[in-house]
């Protein structure tokens, strides 16, 4: 990513994605209103994919689908 995103904004994105009923398309509007940033859906998806690859979030899926 060319633009650096603060850790506080990343935490807010991860908090919002964990809330049931919030769509990925709604996250940039909420984050932009709260932090006065200029995020779009593509940047949010980049952040989420980076976190997914960094922390191997597929582990929980493998464990629950095993049984």
C-alpha atoms as a PDB file:
ATOM      1  CA  UNK A   1       0.000   0.000   0.000  1.00  0.00           C
ATOM      2  CA  UNK A   2       1.351   3.377  -0.948  1.00  0.00           C
ATOM      3  CA  UNK A   3      -0.447   5.217   1.849  1.00  0.00           C
ATOM      4  CA  UNK A   4       0.255   4.337   5.455  1.00  0.00           C
ATOM      5  CA  UNK A   5      -2.805   3.629   7.577  1.00  0.00           C
ATOM      6  CA  UNK A   6      -2.547   4.154  11.339  1.00  0.00           C
ATOM      7  CA  UNK A   7      -2.933   1.247  13.719  1.00  0.00           C
ATOM      8  CA  UNK A   8      -5.956   2.917  15.291  1.00  0.00           C
ATOM      9  CA  UNK A   9      -7.755   2.956  11.934  1.00  0.00           C
ATOM     10  CA  UNK A  10      -6.805  -0.682  11.309  1.00  0.00           C
ATOM     11  CA  UNK A  11      -8.185  -1.690  14.705  1.00  0.00           C
ATOM     12  CA  UNK A  12     -11.417   0.150  13.970  1.00  0.00           C
ATOM     13  CA  UNK A  13     -11.751  -1.649  10.618  1.00  0.00           C
ATOM     14  CA  UNK A  14     -11.203  -5.020  12.277  1.00  0.00           C
ATOM     15  CA  UNK A  15     -13.700  -4.126  15.014  1.00  0.00           C
ATOM     16  CA  UNK A  16     -16.319  -3.135  12.461  1.00  0.00           C
ATOM     17  CA  UNK A  17     -15.847  -6.239  10.305  1.00  0.00           C
ATOM     18  CA  UNK A  18     -16.441  -8.393  13.398  1.00  0.00           C
ATOM     19  CA  UNK A  19     -19.867  -6.833  14.019  1.00  0.00           C
ATOM     20  CA  UNK A  20     -22.673  -8.892  12.433  1.00  0.00           C
ATOM     21  CA  UNK A  21     -24.749  -6.983   9.930  1.00  0.00           C
ATOM     22  CA  UNK A  22     -22.085  -4.499   8.829  1.00  0.00           C
ATOM     23  CA  UNK A  23     -21.128  -4.863   5.181  1.00  0.00           C
ATOM     24  CA  UNK A  24     -17.609  -4.254   3.869  1.00  0.00           C
ATOM     25  CA  UNK A  25     -19.015  -1.456   1.710  1.00  0.00           C
ATOM     26  CA  UNK A  26     -20.259   0.376   4.832  1.00  0.00           C
ATOM     27  CA  UNK A  27     -16.904   0.345   6.632  1.00  0.00           C
ATOM     28  CA  UNK A  28     -15.180   3.162   4.663  1.00  0.00           C
ATOM     29  CA  UNK A  29     -18.075   5.546   5.338  1.00  0.00           C
ATOM     30  CA  UNK A  30     -17.992   4.881   9.075  1.00  0.00           C
ATOM     31  CA  UNK A  31     -14.198   5.058   9.349  1.00  0.00           C
ATOM     32  CA  UNK A  32     -14.004   8.223   7.228  1.00  0.00           C
ATOM     33  CA  UNK A  33     -16.620   9.923   9.396  1.00  0.00           C
ATOM     34  CA  UNK A  34     -14.881   8.959  12.646  1.00  0.00           C
ATOM     35  CA  UNK A  35     -11.220   9.559  11.712  1.00  0.00           C
ATOM     36  CA  UNK A  36     -11.463  12.098   8.841  1.00  0.00           C
ATOM     37  CA  UNK A  37      -9.611   9.768   6.477  1.00  0.00           C
ATOM     38  CA  UNK A  38     -10.080   9.126   2.785  1.00  0.00           C
ATOM     39  CA  UNK A  39     -10.496   5.340   2.620  1.00  0.00           C
ATOM     40  CA  UNK A  40     -12.339   3.476  -0.079  1.00  0.00           C
ATOM     41  CA  UNK A  41     -13.557  -0.102  -0.233  1.00  0.00           C
ATOM     42  CA  UNK A  42     -10.449  -1.295  -2.092  1.00  0.00           C
ATOM     43  CA  UNK A  43      -8.105   0.009   0.621  1.00  0.00           C
ATOM     44  CA  UNK A  44     -10.255  -1.654   3.292  1.00  0.00           C
ATOM     45  CA  UNK A  45     -10.090  -4.949   1.381  1.00  0.00           C
ATOM     46  CA  UNK A  46      -6.284  -4.589   1.125  1.00  0.00           C
ATOM     47  CA  UNK A  47      -6.031  -4.091   4.890  1.00  0.00           C
ATOM     48  CA  UNK A  48      -8.266  -7.090   5.564  1.00  0.00           C
ATOM     49  CA  UNK A  49      -6.340  -9.322   3.159  1.00  0.00           C
ATOM     50  CA  UNK A  50      -3.015  -8.258   4.725  1.00  0.00           C
ATOM     51  CA  UNK A  51      -4.324  -9.137   8.188  1.00  0.00           C
ATOM     52  CA  UNK A  52      -5.683 -12.438   6.883  1.00  0.00           C
ATOM     53  CA  UNK A  53      -2.322 -13.422   5.433  1.00  0.00           C
ATOM     54  CA  UNK A  54      -0.357 -12.120   8.411  1.00  0.00           C
ATOM     55  CA  UNK A  55      -2.330 -14.004  11.066  1.00  0.00           C
ATOM     56  CA  UNK A  56      -3.507 -17.064   9.106  1.00  0.00           C
ATOM     57  CA  UNK A  57      -7.146 -16.542  10.035  1.00  0.00           C
ATOM     58  CA  UNK A  58      -8.081 -19.696   8.148  1.00  0.00           C
ATOM     59  CA  UNK A  59      -7.040 -21.784  11.181  1.00  0.00           C
ATOM     60  CA  UNK A  60     -10.431 -21.404  12.873  1.00  0.00           C
ATOM     61  CA  UNK A  61     -12.228 -22.434   9.705  1.00  0.00           C
ATOM     62  CA  UNK A  62     -10.108 -25.563   9.380  1.00  0.00           C
ATOM     63  CA  UNK A  63     -10.743 -26.527  12.972  1.00  0.00           C
ATOM     64  CA  UNK A  64     -14.522 -26.108  12.858  1.00  0.00           C
ATOM     65  CA  UNK A  65     -14.957 -27.780   9.466  1.00  0.00           C
ATOM     66  CA  UNK A  66     -12.960 -30.797  10.545  1.00  0.00           C
ATOM     67  CA  UNK A  67     -15.864 -32.201  12.618  1.00  0.00           C
END
